[in-house]
Amino acid sequence: MIKHGYPRLFAVNVTISGSLQPLLLPPSHNMIIYSLAAGGTVSVAQLFMGGIIPAPDVLTVKEYGVAEVFGPGTPTSAIVDYVKAWYAAQ
Protein backbone atom coordinates (compact mmCIF):
# COMPACT_ATOMS: atom_id res chain seq x y z
CA MET A 1 0.00 0.00 0.00
CA ILE A 2 2.89 2.31 0.76
CA LYS A 3 4.23 1.75 -2.77
CA HIS A 4 0.88 2.99 -4.08
CA GLY A 5 1.05 6.22 -2.09
CA TYR A 6 -1.01 5.39 1.00
CA PRO A 7 0.30 6.77 4.30
CA ARG A 8 2.14 4.24 6.47
CA LEU A 9 -0.31 4.67 9.38
CA PHE A 10 -3.27 3.98 7.10
CA ALA A 11 -1.59 0.85 5.72
CA VAL A 12 -0.92 -0.46 9.23
CA ASN A 13 -4.51 0.19 10.34
CA VAL A 14 -5.99 -1.56 7.31
CA THR A 15 -3.72 -4.57 7.85
CA ILE A 16 -4.64 -4.82 11.55
CA SER A 17 -8.35 -4.44 10.84
CA GLY A 18 -8.23 -7.09 8.13
CA SER A 19 -6.38 -9.48 10.42
CA LEU A 20 -8.93 -9.19 13.23
CA GLN A 21 -12.08 -9.37 11.12
CA PRO A 22 -12.32 -13.19 10.92
CA LEU A 23 -11.98 -13.38 14.71
CA LEU A 24 -14.77 -10.88 15.31
CA LEU A 25 -17.22 -11.90 12.60
CA PRO A 26 -17.93 -15.60 12.76
CA PRO A 27 -18.16 -17.95 11.04
CA SER A 28 -14.49 -17.54 10.41
CA HIS A 29 -12.73 -19.44 7.69
CA ASN A 30 -11.34 -21.81 10.33
CA MET A 31 -14.87 -22.99 11.17
CA ILE A 32 -15.63 -23.67 7.52
CA ILE A 33 -12.32 -25.51 7.03
CA TYR A 34 -12.96 -27.60 10.14
CA SER A 35 -16.43 -28.53 8.88
CA LEU A 36 -15.01 -29.56 5.51
CA ALA A 37 -12.17 -31.51 7.14
CA ALA A 38 -14.74 -33.41 9.22
CA GLY A 39 -16.40 -34.51 6.00
CA GLY A 40 -19.34 -32.16 6.46
CA THR A 41 -20.51 -34.01 9.56
CA VAL A 42 -20.06 -30.91 11.71
CA SER A 43 -22.45 -28.08 10.97
CA VAL A 44 -20.95 -24.62 10.43
CA ALA A 45 -24.03 -23.25 12.23
CA GLN A 46 -23.25 -25.41 15.27
CA LEU A 47 -19.65 -24.24 15.23
CA PHE A 48 -20.90 -20.66 15.00
CA MET A 49 -23.21 -21.14 17.98
CA GLY A 50 -20.35 -22.65 19.95
CA GLY A 51 -18.17 -19.61 19.30
CA ILE A 52 -18.25 -16.18 20.86
CA ILE A 53 -21.19 -14.14 19.68
CA PRO A 54 -20.64 -10.36 19.53
CA ALA A 55 -22.92 -8.47 21.92
CA PRO A 56 -24.90 -6.69 19.17
CA ASP A 57 -25.81 -10.08 17.68
CA VAL A 58 -27.16 -11.64 20.89
CA LEU A 59 -30.67 -10.25 20.39
CA THR A 60 -30.74 -11.43 16.78
CA VAL A 61 -29.67 -14.93 17.80
CA LYS A 62 -32.37 -15.01 20.47
CA GLU A 63 -34.97 -13.94 17.89
CA TYR A 64 -34.07 -17.10 15.96
CA GLY A 65 -34.92 -19.26 18.97
CA VAL A 66 -31.79 -19.49 21.09
CA ALA A 67 -32.98 -19.40 24.71
CA GLU A 68 -29.86 -17.90 26.30
CA VAL A 69 -26.34 -16.84 25.41
CA PHE A 70 -23.58 -17.23 27.97
CA GLY A 71 -20.63 -14.92 27.41
CA PRO A 72 -16.97 -15.59 28.07
CA GLY A 73 -16.22 -15.98 31.74
CA THR A 74 -19.72 -17.09 32.72
CA PRO A 75 -19.33 -19.39 35.73
CA THR A 76 -20.31 -22.98 35.03
CA SER A 77 -22.56 -22.89 38.08
CA ALA A 78 -24.61 -20.07 36.50
CA ILE A 79 -25.05 -22.12 33.33
CA VAL A 80 -26.04 -25.22 35.30
CA ASP A 81 -28.56 -23.20 37.34
CA TYR A 82 -30.09 -21.80 34.16
CA VAL A 83 -30.37 -25.23 32.53
CA LYS A 84 -31.97 -26.71 35.67
CA ALA A 85 -34.50 -23.87 35.87
CA TRP A 86 -35.27 -24.15 32.15
CA TYR A 87 -35.70 -27.93 32.37
CA ALA A 88 -37.96 -27.63 35.44
CA ALA A 89 -40.20 -25.18 33.58
CA GLN A 90 -40.73 -27.61 30.67
C-alpha atoms as a PDB file:
ATOM      1  CA  MET A   1       0.000   0.000   0.000  1.00  0.00           C
ATOM      2  CA  ILE A   2       2.887   2.311   0.764  1.00  0.00           C
ATOM      3  CA  LYS A   3       4.231   1.750  -2.771  1.00  0.00           C
ATOM      4  CA  HIS A   4       0.880   2.991  -4.084  1.00  0.00           C
ATOM      5  CA  GLY A   5       1.045   6.221  -2.091  1.00  0.00           C
ATOM      6  CA  TYR A   6      -1.008   5.387   1.000  1.00  0.00           C
ATOM      7  CA  PRO A   7       0.301   6.772   4.297  1.00  0.00           C
ATOM      8  CA  ARG A   8       2.140   4.237   6.474  1.00  0.00           C
ATOM      9  CA  LEU A   9      -0.307   4.670   9.382  1.00  0.00           C
ATOM     10  CA  PHE A  10      -3.272   3.975   7.099  1.00  0.00           C
ATOM     11  CA  ALA A  11      -1.592   0.853   5.720  1.00  0.00           C
ATOM     12  CA  VAL A  12      -0.923  -0.463   9.227  1.00  0.00           C
ATOM     13  CA  ASN A  13      -4.508   0.188  10.338  1.00  0.00           C
ATOM     14  CA  VAL A  14      -5.994  -1.558   7.306  1.00  0.00           C
ATOM     15  CA  THR A  15      -3.724  -4.568   7.852  1.00  0.00           C
ATOM     16  CA  ILE A  16      -4.636  -4.816  11.546  1.00  0.00           C
ATOM     17  CA  SER A  17      -8.352  -4.441  10.836  1.00  0.00           C
ATOM     18  CA  GLY A  18      -8.228  -7.092   8.129  1.00  0.00           C
ATOM     19  CA  SER A  19      -6.379  -9.481  10.418  1.00  0.00           C
ATOM     20  CA  LEU A  20      -8.932  -9.188  13.226  1.00  0.00           C
ATOM     21  CA  GLN A  21     -12.081  -9.371  11.123  1.00  0.00           C
ATOM     22  CA  PRO A  22     -12.317 -13.188  10.923  1.00  0.00           C
ATOM     23  CA  LEU A  23     -11.978 -13.379  14.706  1.00  0.00           C
ATOM     24  CA  LEU A  24     -14.766 -10.884  15.311  1.00  0.00           C
ATOM     25  CA  LEU A  25     -17.216 -11.896  12.599  1.00  0.00           C
ATOM     26  CA  PRO A  26     -17.934 -15.605  12.757  1.00  0.00           C
ATOM     27  CA  PRO A  27     -18.159 -17.951  11.039  1.00  0.00           C
ATOM     28  CA  SER A  28     -14.495 -17.542  10.410  1.00  0.00           C
ATOM     29  CA  HIS A  29     -12.732 -19.436   7.689  1.00  0.00           C
ATOM     30  CA  ASN A  30     -11.338 -21.806  10.333  1.00  0.00           C
ATOM     31  CA  MET A  31     -14.871 -22.987  11.174  1.00  0.00           C
ATOM     32  CA  ILE A  32     -15.625 -23.667   7.523  1.00  0.00           C
ATOM     33  CA  ILE A  33     -12.319 -25.505   7.026  1.00  0.00           C
ATOM     34  CA  TYR A  34     -12.965 -27.603  10.135  1.00  0.00           C
ATOM     35  CA  SER A  35     -16.430 -28.531   8.879  1.00  0.00           C
ATOM     36  CA  LEU A  36     -15.005 -29.562   5.506  1.00  0.00           C
ATOM     37  CA  ALA A  37     -12.170 -31.511   7.142  1.00  0.00           C
ATOM     38  CA  ALA A  38     -14.737 -33.405   9.223  1.00  0.00           C
ATOM     39  CA  GLY A  39     -16.397 -34.509   5.996  1.00  0.00           C
ATOM     40  CA  GLY A  40     -19.335 -32.160   6.460  1.00  0.00           C
ATOM     41  CA  THR A  41     -20.508 -34.015   9.557  1.00  0.00           C
ATOM     42  CA  VAL A  42     -20.058 -30.913  11.714  1.00  0.00           C
ATOM     43  CA  SER A  43     -22.446 -28.082  10.969  1.00  0.00           C
ATOM     44  CA  VAL A  44     -20.947 -24.617  10.432  1.00  0.00           C
ATOM     45  CA  ALA A  45     -24.034 -23.248  12.227  1.00  0.00           C
ATOM     46  CA  GLN A  46     -23.253 -25.407  15.268  1.00  0.00           C
ATOM     47  CA  LEU A  47     -19.655 -24.237  15.229  1.00  0.00           C
ATOM     48  CA  PHE A  48     -20.898 -20.655  15.001  1.00  0.00           C
ATOM     49  CA  MET A  49     -23.214 -21.141  17.977  1.00  0.00           C
ATOM     50  CA  GLY A  50     -20.345 -22.647  19.955  1.00  0.00           C
ATOM     51  CA  GLY A  51     -18.172 -19.606  19.300  1.00  0.00           C
ATOM     52  CA  ILE A  52     -18.247 -16.177  20.865  1.00  0.00           C
ATOM     53  CA  ILE A  53     -21.193 -14.143  19.683  1.00  0.00           C
ATOM     54  CA  PRO A  54     -20.636 -10.364  19.533  1.00  0.00           C
ATOM     55  CA  ALA A  55     -22.920  -8.472  21.924  1.00  0.00           C
ATOM     56  CA  PRO A  56     -24.898  -6.691  19.174  1.00  0.00           C
ATOM     57  CA  ASP A  57     -25.810 -10.081  17.676  1.00  0.00           C
ATOM     58  CA  VAL A  58     -27.156 -11.643  20.890  1.00  0.00           C
ATOM     59  CA  LEU A  59     -30.671 -10.249  20.388  1.00  0.00           C
ATOM     60  CA  THR A  60     -30.739 -11.428  16.784  1.00  0.00           C
ATOM     61  CA  VAL A  61     -29.665 -14.927  17.802  1.00  0.00           C
ATOM     62  CA  LYS A  62     -32.374 -15.006  20.475  1.00  0.00           C
ATOM     63  CA  GLU A  63     -34.967 -13.942  17.892  1.00  0.00           C
ATOM     64  CA  TYR A  64     -34.065 -17.100  15.961  1.00  0.00           C
ATOM     65  CA  GLY A  65     -34.921 -19.264  18.969  1.00  0.00           C
ATOM     66  CA  VAL A  66     -31.791 -19.495  21.090  1.00  0.00           C
ATOM     67  CA  ALA A  67     -32.977 -19.396  24.710  1.00  0.00           C
ATOM     68  CA  GLU A  68     -29.857 -17.904  26.296  1.00  0.00           C
ATOM     69  CA  VAL A  69     -26.335 -16.844  25.405  1.00  0.00           C
ATOM     70  CA  PHE A  70     -23.576 -17.225  27.970  1.00  0.00           C
ATOM     71  CA  GLY A  71     -20.634 -14.920  27.410  1.00  0.00           C
ATOM     72  CA  PRO A  72     -16.971 -15.594  28.068  1.00  0.00           C
ATOM     73  CA  GLY A  73     -16.217 -15.980  31.744  1.00  0.00           C
ATOM     74  CA  THR A  74     -19.721 -17.090  32.717  1.00  0.00           C
ATOM     75  CA  PRO A  75     -19.334 -19.391  35.729  1.00  0.00           C
ATOM     76  CA  THR A  76     -20.305 -22.980  35.033  1.00  0.00           C
ATOM     77  CA  SER A  77     -22.565 -22.887  38.082  1.00  0.00           C
ATOM     78  CA  ALA A  78     -24.611 -20.072  36.498  1.00  0.00           C
ATOM     79  CA  ILE A  79     -25.055 -22.125  33.330  1.00  0.00           C
ATOM     80  CA  VAL A  80     -26.041 -25.217  35.299  1.00  0.00           C
ATOM     81  CA  ASP A  81     -28.558 -23.201  37.344  1.00  0.00           C
ATOM     82  CA  TYR A  82     -30.086 -21.797  34.163  1.00  0.00           C
ATOM     83  CA  VAL A  83     -30.374 -25.230  32.530  1.00  0.00           C
ATOM     84  CA  LYS A  84     -31.969 -26.712  35.669  1.00  0.00           C
ATOM     85  CA  ALA A  85     -34.499 -23.866  35.869  1.00  0.00           C
ATOM     86  CA  TRP A  86     -35.265 -24.155  32.147  1.00  0.00           C
ATOM     87  CA  TYR A  87     -35.697 -27.926  32.372  1.00  0.00           C
ATOM     88  CA  ALA A  88     -37.956 -27.631  35.442  1.00  0.00           C
ATOM     89  CA  ALA A  89     -40.197 -25.176  33.582  1.00  0.00           C
ATOM     90  CA  GLN A  90     -40.729 -27.611  30.668  1.00  0.00           C
END
